[in-house]
Amino acid sequence: MVDKRPHVASWTLSGNESPNDPVTGFPVATDDVIISVPCRYHSTTGKQFNNELNQIVLQKGRIRFDNESEMPSVYKNIKVTDAGVVIFEGSVMEVYRGQLGCRCDV
């Protein structure tokens, strides 16, 4: 069987951006939380983005997630690993959540 999500994306949520409780729907007050989600990263180019300093940066790749996965926010620093080896580290520039899958352009 083919592994559709062979990589792992991880990012840190500060205490004020904690995930929501699945039962109540309210944010859970915690310290910094490291989120790790299975994903697929591939290098791609073609887009230009403005970063938080309003400078133009070029797209380096795309990260695909399952639809029910946690997603990082725009400008969040993210690290993608493959069997413990870092294959990408940088900022998220665009987030898209569709019906069947999600993606982040980095």
PDB file of N, CA and C in Angstrom:
ATOM      1  N   MET A   1       0.841  -1.182   0.000  1.00  0.00           N
ATOM      2  CA  MET A   1       0.000   0.000   0.000  1.00  0.00           C
ATOM      3  C   MET A   1       0.889   1.249   0.000  1.00  0.00           C
ATOM      4  N   VAL A   2       0.487   2.248  -0.730  1.00  0.00           N
ATOM      5  CA  VAL A   2       1.242   3.483  -0.848  1.00  0.00           C
ATOM      6  C   VAL A   2       0.943   4.380   0.350  1.00  0.00           C
ATOM      7  N   ASP A   3       1.996   4.920   0.941  1.00  0.00           N
ATOM      8  CA  ASP A   3       1.846   5.849   2.061  1.00  0.00           C
ATOM      9  C   ASP A   3       1.621   7.249   1.495  1.00  0.00           C
ATOM     10  N   LYS A   4       0.386   7.759   1.631  1.00  0.00           N
ATOM     11  CA  LYS A   4       0.064   9.067   1.059  1.00  0.00           C
ATOM     12  C   LYS A   4       0.652  10.222   1.847  1.00  0.00           C
ATOM     13  N   ARG A   5       0.973  10.003   3.101  1.00  0.00           N
ATOM     14  CA  ARG A   5       1.506  11.055   3.963  1.00  0.00           C
ATOM     15  C   ARG A   5       2.796  10.563   4.625  1.00  0.00           C
ATOM     16  N   PRO A   6       3.910  10.482   3.861  1.00  0.00           N
ATOM     17  CA  PRO A   6       5.149   9.912   4.408  1.00  0.00           C
ATOM     18  C   PRO A   6       5.957  10.859   5.296  1.00  0.00           C
ATOM     19  N   HIS A   7       5.645  12.144   5.297  1.00  0.00           N
ATOM     20  CA  HIS A   7       6.420  13.126   6.053  1.00  0.00           C
ATOM     21  C   HIS A   7       5.638  13.564   7.290  1.00  0.00           C
ATOM     22  N   VAL A   8       6.311  14.286   8.173  1.00  0.00           N
ATOM     23  CA  VAL A   8       5.663  14.811   9.377  1.00  0.00           C
ATOM     24  C   VAL A   8       5.922  16.308   9.450  1.00  0.00           C
ATOM     25  N   ALA A   9       4.855  17.090   9.542  1.00  0.00           N
ATOM     26  CA  ALA A   9       4.953  18.542   9.703  1.00  0.00           C
ATOM     27  C   ALA A   9       4.740  18.863  11.175  1.00  0.00           C
ATOM     28  N   SER A  10       5.558  19.764  11.703  1.00  0.00           N
ATOM     29  CA  SER A  10       5.387  20.154  13.102  1.00  0.00           C
ATOM     30  C   SER A  10       5.563  21.665  13.238  1.00  0.00           C
ATOM     31  N   TRP A  11       4.793  22.224  14.154  1.00  0.00           N
ATOM     32  CA  TRP A  11       4.859  23.654  14.454  1.00  0.00           C
ATOM     33  C   TRP A  11       4.417  23.844  15.894  1.00  0.00           C
ATOM     34  N   THR A  12       4.685  25.008  16.444  1.00  0.00           N
ATOM     35  CA  THR A  12       4.399  25.297  17.848  1.00  0.00           C
ATOM     36  C   THR A  12       3.245  26.275  17.954  1.00  0.00           C
ATOM     37  N   LEU A  13       2.314  25.940  18.832  1.00  0.00           N
ATOM     38  CA  LEU A  13       1.231  26.866  19.167  1.00  0.00           C
ATOM     39  C   LEU A  13       1.541  27.454  20.530  1.00  0.00           C
ATOM     40  N   SER A  14       1.466  28.764  20.637  1.00  0.00           N
ATOM     41  CA  SER A  14       1.673  29.378  21.954  1.00  0.00           C
ATOM     42  C   SER A  14       0.424  29.153  22.798  1.00  0.00           C
ATOM     43  N   GLY A  15       0.522  29.423  24.086  1.00  0.00           N
ATOM     44  CA  GLY A  15      -0.580  29.153  24.998  1.00  0.00           C
ATOM     45  C   GLY A  15      -1.878  29.844  24.625  1.00  0.00           C
ATOM     46  N   ASN A  16      -1.806  31.018  23.968  1.00  0.00           N
ATOM     47  CA  ASN A  16      -3.038  31.723  23.612  1.00  0.00           C
ATOM     48  C   ASN A  16      -3.613  31.245  22.277  1.00  0.00           C
ATOM     49  N   GLU A  17      -2.930  30.330  21.548  1.00  0.00           N
ATOM     50  CA  GLU A  17      -3.479  29.773  20.312  1.00  0.00           C
ATOM     51  C   GLU A  17      -3.738  28.280  20.463  1.00  0.00           C
ATOM     52  N   SER A  18      -4.072  27.842  21.656  1.00  0.00           N
ATOM     53  CA  SER A  18      -4.223  26.428  21.939  1.00  0.00           C
ATOM     54  C   SER A  18      -5.355  25.820  21.128  1.00  0.00           C
ATOM     55  N   PRO A  19      -5.275  24.518  20.866  1.00  0.00           N
ATOM     56  CA  PRO A  19      -6.348  23.857  20.122  1.00  0.00           C
ATOM     57  C   PRO A  19      -7.640  23.838  20.925  1.00  0.00           C
ATOM     58  N   ASN A  20      -8.749  23.666  20.220  1.00  0.00           N
ATOM     59  CA  ASN A  20     -10.055  23.636  20.867  1.00  0.00           C
ATOM     60  C   ASN A  20     -10.345  22.259  21.434  1.00  0.00           C
ATOM     61  N   ASP A  21     -11.096  22.240  22.536  1.00  0.00           N
ATOM     62  CA  ASP A  21     -11.552  20.984  23.126  1.00  0.00           C
ATOM     63  C   ASP A  21     -12.595  20.378  22.192  1.00  0.00           C
ATOM     64  N   PRO A  22     -12.443  19.116  21.764  1.00  0.00           N
ATOM     65  CA  PRO A  22     -13.400  18.539  20.816  1.00  0.00           C
ATOM     66  C   PRO A  22     -14.808  18.381  21.378  1.00  0.00           C
ATOM     67  N   VAL A  23     -14.942  18.317  22.691  1.00  0.00           N
ATOM     68  CA  VAL A  23     -16.261  18.136  23.302  1.00  0.00           C
ATOM     69  C   VAL A  23     -16.987  19.463  23.440  1.00  0.00           C
ATOM     70  N   THR A  24     -16.315  20.458  24.028  1.00  0.00           N
ATOM     71  CA  THR A  24     -16.973  21.729  24.297  1.00  0.00           C
ATOM     72  C   THR A  24     -16.798  22.748  23.180  1.00  0.00           C
ATOM     73  N   GLY A  25     -15.707  22.632  22.414  1.00  0.00           N
ATOM     74  CA  GLY A  25     -15.444  23.585  21.349  1.00  0.00           C
ATOM     75  C   GLY A  25     -14.708  24.824  21.815  1.00  0.00           C
ATOM     76  N   PHE A  26     -14.407  24.912  23.109  1.00  0.00           N
ATOM     77  CA  PHE A  26     -13.704  26.057  23.651  1.00  0.00           C
ATOM     78  C   PHE A  26     -12.196  25.807  23.648  1.00  0.00           C
ATOM     79  N   PRO A  27     -11.382  26.872  23.560  1.00  0.00           N
ATOM     80  CA  PRO A  27      -9.927  26.685  23.607  1.00  0.00           C
ATOM     81  C   PRO A  27      -9.481  26.102  24.948  1.00  0.00           C
ATOM     82  N   VAL A  28      -8.482  25.241  24.882  1.00  0.00           N
ATOM     83  CA  VAL A  28      -7.915  24.640  26.078  1.00  0.00           C
ATOM     84  C   VAL A  28      -6.711  25.484  26.492  1.00  0.00           C
ATOM     85  N   ALA A  29      -6.711  25.974  27.717  1.00  0.00           N
ATOM     86  CA  ALA A  29      -5.603  26.795  28.203  1.00  0.00           C
ATOM     87  C   ALA A  29      -4.416  25.898  28.524  1.00  0.00           C
ATOM     88  N   THR A  30      -3.337  26.070  27.777  1.00  0.00           N
ATOM     89  CA  THR A  30      -2.140  25.261  27.979  1.00  0.00           C
ATOM     90  C   THR A  30      -0.906  26.112  27.773  1.00  0.00           C
ATOM     91  N   ASP A  31       0.240  25.522  28.056  1.00  0.00           N
ATOM     92  CA  ASP A  31       1.508  26.139  27.700  1.00  0.00           C
ATOM     93  C   ASP A  31       1.720  25.912  26.208  1.00  0.00           C
ATOM     94  N   ASP A  32       2.921  26.223  25.726  1.00  0.00           N
ATOM     95  CA  ASP A  32       3.213  25.988  24.305  1.00  0.00           C
ATOM     96  C   ASP A  32       3.008  24.522  23.953  1.00  0.00           C
ATOM     97  N   VAL A  33       2.371  24.282  22.816  1.00  0.00           N
ATOM     98  CA  VAL A  33       2.055  22.938  22.364  1.00  0.00           C
ATOM     99  C   VAL A  33       2.715  22.713  21.012  1.00  0.00           C
ATOM    100  N   ILE A  34       3.404  21.594  20.864  1.00  0.00           N
ATOM    101  CA  ILE A  34       3.981  21.239  19.570  1.00  0.00           C
ATOM    102  C   ILE A  34       3.005  20.312  18.856  1.00  0.00           C
ATOM    103  N   ILE A  35       2.562  20.729  17.679  1.00  0.00           N
ATOM    104  CA  ILE A  35       1.623  19.952  16.869  1.00  0.00           C
ATOM    105  C   ILE A  35       2.438  19.200  15.814  1.00  0.00           C
ATOM    106  N   SER A  36       2.198  17.898  15.680  1.00  0.00           N
ATOM    107  CA  SER A  36       2.841  17.082  14.641  1.00  0.00           C
ATOM    108  C   SER A  36       1.757  16.372  13.854  1.00  0.00           C
ATOM    109  N   VAL A  37       1.786  16.531  12.528  1.00  0.00           N
ATOM    110  CA  VAL A  37       0.731  16.004  11.658  1.00  0.00           C
ATOM    111  C   VAL A  37       1.375  15.304  10.459  1.00  0.00           C
ATOM    112  N   PRO A  38       0.878  14.110  10.069  1.00  0.00           N
ATOM    113  CA  PRO A  38       1.379  13.471   8.845  1.00  0.00           C
ATOM    114  C   PRO A  38       1.044  14.325   7.626  1.00  0.00           C
ATOM    115  N   CYS A  39       1.963  14.374   6.669  1.00  0.00           N
ATOM    116  CA  CYS A  39       1.759  15.213   5.499  1.00  0.00           C
ATOM    117  C   CYS A  39       2.575  14.672   4.331  1.00  0.00           C
ATOM    118  N   ARG A  40       2.462  15.339   3.194  1.00  0.00           N
ATOM    119  CA  ARG A  40       3.318  15.088   2.037  1.00  0.00           C
ATOM    120  C   ARG A  40       3.842  16.431   1.568  1.00  0.00           C
ATOM    121  N   TYR A  41       5.175  16.563   1.518  1.00  0.00           N
ATOM    122  CA  TYR A  41       5.817  17.785   1.059  1.00  0.00           C
ATOM    123  C   TYR A  41       6.410  17.538  -0.312  1.00  0.00           C
ATOM    124  N   HIS A  42       6.234  18.481  -1.204  1.00  0.00           N
ATOM    125  CA  HIS A  42       6.951  18.424  -2.478  1.00  0.00           C
ATOM    126  C   HIS A  42       7.365  19.834  -2.880  1.00  0.00           C
ATOM    127  N   SER A  43       8.564  19.898  -3.460  1.00  0.00           N
ATOM    128  CA  SER A  43       9.094  21.191  -3.909  1.00  0.00           C
ATOM    129  C   SER A  43       8.331  21.641  -5.139  1.00  0.00           C
ATOM    130  N   THR A  44       7.990  22.895  -5.180  1.00  0.00           N
ATOM    131  CA  THR A  44       7.314  23.472  -6.338  1.00  0.00           C
ATOM    132  C   THR A  44       7.568  24.971  -6.332  1.00  0.00           C
ATOM    133  N   THR A  45       7.468  25.573  -7.482  1.00  0.00           N
ATOM    134  CA  THR A  45       7.654  27.016  -7.603  1.00  0.00           C
ATOM    135  C   THR A  45       6.514  27.586  -8.430  1.00  0.00           C
ATOM    136  N   GLY A  46       6.484  28.895  -8.556  1.00  0.00           N
ATOM    137  CA  GLY A  46       5.500  29.510  -9.425  1.00  0.00           C
ATOM    138  C   GLY A  46       4.706  30.628  -8.812  1.00  0.00           C
ATOM    139  N   LYS A  47       4.669  30.714  -7.488  1.00  0.00           N
ATOM    140  CA  LYS A  47       3.899  31.772  -6.848  1.00  0.00           C
ATOM    141  C   LYS A  47       4.828  32.741  -6.134  1.00  0.00           C
ATOM    142  N   GLN A  48       4.311  33.947  -5.956  1.00  0.00           N
ATOM    143  CA  GLN A  48       4.992  34.951  -5.147  1.00  0.00           C
ATOM    144  C   GLN A  48       4.049  35.354  -4.020  1.00  0.00           C
ATOM    145  N   PHE A  49       4.619  35.572  -2.850  1.00  0.00           N
ATOM    146  CA  PHE A  49       3.836  35.965  -1.693  1.00  0.00           C
ATOM    147  C   PHE A  49       4.467  37.185  -1.041  1.00  0.00           C
ATOM    148  N   ASN A  50       3.674  37.913  -0.275  1.00  0.00           N
ATOM    149  CA  ASN A  50       4.191  38.966   0.588  1.00  0.00           C
ATOM    150  C   ASN A  50       4.285  38.398   1.990  1.00  0.00           C
ATOM    151  N   ASN A  51       5.474  38.496   2.599  1.00  0.00           N
ATOM    152  CA  ASN A  51       5.611  38.002   3.966  1.00  0.00           C
ATOM    153  C   ASN A  51       5.108  39.048   4.948  1.00  0.00           C
ATOM    154  N   GLU A  52       5.287  38.790   6.248  1.00  0.00           N
ATOM    155  CA  GLU A  52       4.747  39.703   7.264  1.00  0.00           C
ATOM    156  C   GLU A  52       5.424  41.064   7.257  1.00  0.00           C
ATOM    157  N   LEU A  53       6.595  41.173   6.622  1.00  0.00           N
ATOM    158  CA  LEU A  53       7.274  42.468   6.473  1.00  0.00           C
ATOM    159  C   LEU A  53       6.959  43.122   5.130  1.00  0.00           C
ATOM    160  N   ASN A  54       6.013  42.552   4.397  1.00  0.00           N
ATOM    161  CA  ASN A  54       5.564  43.032   3.093  1.00  0.00           C
ATOM    162  C   ASN A  54       6.679  42.974   2.039  1.00  0.00           C
ATOM    163  N   GLN A  55       7.570  41.998   2.183  1.00  0.00           N
ATOM    164  CA  GLN A  55       8.596  41.736   1.184  1.00  0.00           C
ATOM    165  C   GLN A  55       8.137  40.579   0.308  1.00  0.00           C
ATOM    166  N   ILE A  56       8.507  40.599  -0.959  1.00  0.00           N
ATOM    167  CA  ILE A  56       8.118  39.528  -1.876  1.00  0.00           C
ATOM    168  C   ILE A  56       9.034  38.330  -1.670  1.00  0.00           C
ATOM    169  N   VAL A  57       8.421  37.162  -1.456  1.00  0.00           N
ATOM    170  CA  VAL A  57       9.161  35.907  -1.331  1.00  0.00           C
ATOM    171  C   VAL A  57       8.597  34.920  -2.348  1.00  0.00           C
ATOM    172  N   LEU A  58       9.434  34.010  -2.827  1.00  0.00           N
ATOM    173  CA  LEU A  58       9.024  33.019  -3.807  1.00  0.00           C
ATOM    174  C   LEU A  58       8.599  31.729  -3.115  1.00  0.00           C
ATOM    175  N   GLN A  59       7.657  31.039  -3.740  1.00  0.00           N
ATOM    176  CA  GLN A  59       7.196  29.764  -3.218  1.00  0.00           C
ATOM    177  C   GLN A  59       8.323  28.730  -3.295  1.00  0.00           C
ATOM    178  N   LYS A  60       8.453  27.930  -2.230  1.00  0.00           N
ATOM    179  CA  LYS A  60       9.473  26.882  -2.188  1.00  0.00           C
ATOM    180  C   LYS A  60       8.870  25.493  -2.299  1.00  0.00           C
ATOM    181  N   GLY A  61       7.615  25.342  -1.880  1.00  0.00           N
ATOM    182  CA  GLY A  61       7.000  24.021  -1.922  1.00  0.00           C
ATOM    183  C   GLY A  61       5.553  24.054  -1.505  1.00  0.00           C
ATOM    184  N   ARG A  62       4.965  22.860  -1.429  1.00  0.00           N
ATOM    185  CA  ARG A  62       3.567  22.700  -1.028  1.00  0.00           C
ATOM    186  C   ARG A  62       3.485  21.512  -0.074  1.00  0.00           C
ATOM    187  N   ILE A  63       2.721  21.680   0.983  1.00  0.00           N
ATOM    188  CA  ILE A  63       2.515  20.633   1.972  1.00  0.00           C
ATOM    189  C   ILE A  63       1.047  20.246   1.933  1.00  0.00           C
ATOM    190  N   ARG A  64       0.782  18.950   1.737  1.00  0.00           N
ATOM    191  CA  ARG A  64      -0.593  18.450   1.683  1.00  0.00           C
ATOM    192  C   ARG A  64      -0.918  17.679   2.955  1.00  0.00           C
ATOM    193  N   PHE A  65      -2.120  17.927   3.485  1.00  0.00           N
ATOM    194  CA  PHE A  65      -2.597  17.286   4.703  1.00  0.00           C
ATOM    195  C   PHE A  65      -3.914  16.574   4.419  1.00  0.00           C
ATOM    196  N   ASP A  66      -4.300  15.650   5.324  1.00  0.00           N
ATOM    197  CA  ASP A  66      -5.642  15.085   5.271  1.00  0.00           C
ATOM    198  C   ASP A  66      -6.635  16.163   5.697  1.00  0.00           C
ATOM    199  N   ASN A  67      -7.880  15.994   5.301  1.00  0.00           N
ATOM    200  CA  ASN A  67      -8.897  17.019   5.532  1.00  0.00           C
ATOM    201  C   ASN A  67      -9.169  17.272   7.012  1.00  0.00           C
ATOM    202  N   GLU A  68      -9.120  16.232   7.830  1.00  0.00           N
ATOM    203  CA  GLU A  68      -9.445  16.409   9.250  1.00  0.00           C
ATOM    204  C   GLU A  68      -8.252  16.817  10.098  1.00  0.00           C
ATOM    205  N   SER A  69      -7.121  17.110   9.472  1.00  0.00           N
ATOM    206  CA  SER A  69      -5.889  17.446  10.196  1.00  0.00           C
ATOM    207  C   SER A  69      -5.909  18.875  10.734  1.00  0.00           C
ATOM    208  N   GLU A  70      -5.117  19.086  11.790  1.00  0.00           N
ATOM    209  CA  GLU A  70      -4.836  20.444  12.257  1.00  0.00           C
ATOM    210  C   GLU A  70      -4.059  21.152  11.159  1.00  0.00           C
ATOM    211  N   MET A  71      -4.259  22.451  11.030  1.00  0.00           N
ATOM    212  CA  MET A  71      -3.571  23.229  10.008  1.00  0.00           C
ATOM    213  C   MET A  71      -2.855  24.403  10.664  1.00  0.00           C
ATOM    214  N   PRO A  72      -1.625  24.710  10.210  1.00  0.00           N
ATOM    215  CA  PRO A  72      -0.944  25.904  10.733  1.00  0.00           C
ATOM    216  C   PRO A  72      -1.563  27.161  10.136  1.00  0.00           C
ATOM    217  N   SER A  73      -1.386  28.267  10.811  1.00  0.00           N
ATOM    218  CA  SER A  73      -1.888  29.534  10.283  1.00  0.00           C
ATOM    219  C   SER A  73      -0.838  30.164   9.375  1.00  0.00           C
ATOM    220  N   VAL A  74      -1.248  31.181   8.648  1.00  0.00           N
ATOM    221  CA  VAL A  74      -0.339  31.890   7.747  1.00  0.00           C
ATOM    222  C   VAL A  74       0.758  32.565   8.580  1.00  0.00           C
ATOM    223  N   TYR A  75       1.980  32.545   8.060  1.00  0.00           N
ATOM    224  CA  TYR A  75       3.194  33.086   8.672  1.00  0.00           C
ATOM    225  C   TYR A  75       3.716  32.250   9.843  1.00  0.00           C
ATOM    226  N   LYS A  76       3.100  31.108  10.113  1.00  0.00           N
ATOM    227  CA  LYS A  76       3.578  30.225  11.179  1.00  0.00           C
ATOM    228  C   LYS A  76       4.821  29.496  10.684  1.00  0.00           C
ATOM    229  N   ASN A  77       5.861  29.400  11.520  1.00  0.00           N
ATOM    230  CA  ASN A  77       7.053  28.643  11.164  1.00  0.00           C
ATOM    231  C   ASN A  77       6.749  27.154  11.280  1.00  0.00           C
ATOM    232  N   ILE A  78       7.140  26.398  10.265  1.00  0.00           N
ATOM    233  CA  ILE A  78       6.811  24.982  10.191  1.00  0.00           C
ATOM    234  C   ILE A  78       8.061  24.206   9.801  1.00  0.00           C
ATOM    235  N   LYS A  79       8.144  22.973  10.298  1.00  0.00           N
ATOM    236  CA  LYS A  79       9.273  22.104   9.962  1.00  0.00           C
ATOM    237  C   LYS A  79       8.718  20.780   9.459  1.00  0.00           C
ATOM    238  N   VAL A  80       9.216  20.307   8.306  1.00  0.00           N
ATOM    239  CA  VAL A  80       8.783  19.042   7.718  1.00  0.00           C
ATOM    240  C   VAL A  80       9.956  18.077   7.768  1.00  0.00           C
ATOM    241  N   THR A  81       9.719  16.877   8.323  1.00  0.00           N
ATOM    242  CA  THR A  81      10.778  15.882   8.429  1.00  0.00           C
ATOM    243  C   THR A  81      10.380  14.603   7.703  1.00  0.00           C
ATOM    244  N   ASP A  82      11.392  13.879   7.252  1.00  0.00           N
ATOM    245  CA  ASP A  82      11.214  12.568   6.629  1.00  0.00           C
ATOM    246  C   ASP A  82      12.143  11.609   7.348  1.00  0.00           C
ATOM    247  N   ALA A  83      11.591  10.733   8.176  1.00  0.00           N
ATOM    248  CA  ALA A  83      12.361   9.776   8.975  1.00  0.00           C
ATOM    249  C   ALA A  83      13.395  10.496   9.844  1.00  0.00           C
ATOM    250  N   GLY A  84      13.009  11.614  10.440  1.00  0.00           N
ATOM    251  CA  GLY A  84      13.876  12.354  11.330  1.00  0.00           C
ATOM    252  C   GLY A  84      14.799  13.357  10.664  1.00  0.00           C
ATOM    253  N   VAL A  85      14.859  13.377   9.339  1.00  0.00           N
ATOM    254  CA  VAL A  85      15.706  14.311   8.599  1.00  0.00           C
ATOM    255  C   VAL A  85      14.850  15.497   8.154  1.00  0.00           C
ATOM    256  N   VAL A  86      15.285  16.705   8.465  1.00  0.00           N
ATOM    257  CA  VAL A  86      14.540  17.910   8.095  1.00  0.00           C
ATOM    258  C   VAL A  86      14.665  18.123   6.587  1.00  0.00           C
ATOM    259  N   ILE A  87      13.511  18.154   5.882  1.00  0.00           N
ATOM    260  CA  ILE A  87      13.531  18.401   4.436  1.00  0.00           C
ATOM    261  C   ILE A  87      13.036  19.801   4.086  1.00  0.00           C
ATOM    262  N   PHE A  88      12.337  20.454   5.030  1.00  0.00           N
ATOM    263  CA  PHE A  88      11.924  21.846   4.824  1.00  0.00           C
ATOM    264  C   PHE A  88      11.746  22.501   6.177  1.00  0.00           C
ATOM    265  N   GLU A  89      12.148  23.761   6.258  1.00  0.00           N
ATOM    266  CA  GLU A  89      11.882  24.579   7.435  1.00  0.00           C
ATOM    267  C   GLU A  89      11.672  26.003   6.959  1.00  0.00           C
ATOM    268  N   GLY A  90      10.528  26.573   7.271  1.00  0.00           N
ATOM    269  CA  GLY A  90      10.220  27.924   6.829  1.00  0.00           C
ATOM    270  C   GLY A  90       8.829  28.351   7.261  1.00  0.00           C
ATOM    271  N   SER A  91       8.331  29.421   6.650  1.00  0.00           N
ATOM    272  CA  SER A  91       7.034  29.999   7.004  1.00  0.00           C
ATOM    273  C   SER A  91       5.949  29.565   6.030  1.00  0.00           C
ATOM    274  N   VAL A  92       4.743  29.436   6.564  1.00  0.00           N
ATOM    275  CA  VAL A  92       3.564  29.152   5.743  1.00  0.00           C
ATOM    276  C   VAL A  92       3.106  30.458   5.120  1.00  0.00           C
ATOM    277  N   MET A  93       2.890  30.463   3.808  1.00  0.00           N
ATOM    278  CA  MET A  93       2.490  31.684   3.115  1.00  0.00           C
ATOM    279  C   MET A  93       1.010  31.687   2.709  1.00  0.00           C
ATOM    280  N   GLU A  94       0.429  30.503   2.537  1.00  0.00           N
ATOM    281  CA  GLU A  94      -0.979  30.433   2.134  1.00  0.00           C
ATOM    282  C   GLU A  94      -1.555  29.111   2.624  1.00  0.00           C
ATOM    283  N   VAL A  95      -2.810  29.128   3.075  1.00  0.00           N
ATOM    284  CA  VAL A  95      -3.483  27.929   3.578  1.00  0.00           C
ATOM    285  C   VAL A  95      -4.778  27.753   2.803  1.00  0.00           C
ATOM    286  N   TYR A  96      -5.053  26.505   2.390  1.00  0.00           N
ATOM    287  CA  TYR A  96      -6.291  26.198   1.682  1.00  0.00           C
ATOM    288  C   TYR A  96      -6.889  24.941   2.280  1.00  0.00           C
ATOM    289  N   ARG A  97      -8.167  24.989   2.659  1.00  0.00           N
ATOM    290  CA  ARG A  97      -8.864  23.815   3.183  1.00  0.00           C
ATOM    291  C   ARG A  97     -10.033  23.503   2.244  1.00  0.00           C
ATOM    292  N   GLY A  98      -9.934  22.369   1.562  1.00  0.00           N
ATOM    293  CA  GLY A  98     -10.980  21.942   0.641  1.00  0.00           C
ATOM    294  C   GLY A  98     -11.836  20.852   1.251  1.00  0.00           C
ATOM    295  N   GLN A  99     -12.699  20.232   0.432  1.00  0.00           N
ATOM    296  CA  GLN A  99     -13.580  19.171   0.925  1.00  0.00           C
ATOM    297  C   GLN A  99     -12.828  17.857   1.147  1.00  0.00           C
ATOM    298  N   LEU A 100     -11.844  17.559   0.318  1.00  0.00           N
ATOM    299  CA  LEU A 100     -11.167  16.272   0.407  1.00  0.00           C
ATOM    300  C   LEU A 100      -9.754  16.360   0.951  1.00  0.00           C
ATOM    301  N   GLY A 101      -9.182  17.518   1.017  1.00  0.00           N
ATOM    302  CA  GLY A 101      -7.819  17.661   1.503  1.00  0.00           C
ATOM    303  C   GLY A 101      -7.479  19.102   1.773  1.00  0.00           C
ATOM    304  N   CYS A 102      -6.311  19.296   2.390  1.00  0.00           N
ATOM    305  CA  CYS A 102      -5.848  20.634   2.746  1.00  0.00           C
ATOM    306  C   CYS A 102      -4.424  20.800   2.240  1.00  0.00           C
ATOM    307  N   ARG A 103      -4.027  22.038   2.068  1.00  0.00           N
ATOM    308  CA  ARG A 103      -2.648  22.287   1.658  1.00  0.00           C
ATOM    309  C   ARG A 103      -2.169  23.618   2.198  1.00  0.00           C
ATOM    310  N   CYS A 104      -0.850  23.706   2.328  1.00  0.00           N
ATOM    311  CA  CYS A 104      -0.177  24.942   2.696  1.00  0.00           C
ATOM    312  C   CYS A 104       0.879  25.198   1.641  1.00  0.00           C
ATOM    313  N   ASP A 105       0.918  26.399   1.136  1.00  0.00           N
ATOM    314  CA  ASP A 105       2.006  26.794   0.247  1.00  0.00           C
ATOM    315  C   ASP A 105       3.063  27.469   1.098  1.00  0.00           C
ATOM    316  N   VAL A 106       4.303  27.050   0.885  1.00  0.00           N
ATOM    317  CA  VAL A 106       5.419  27.567   1.686  1.00  0.00           C
ATOM    318  C   VAL A 106       6.497  28.119   0.787  1.00  0.00           C
TER     319      VAL A 106
END
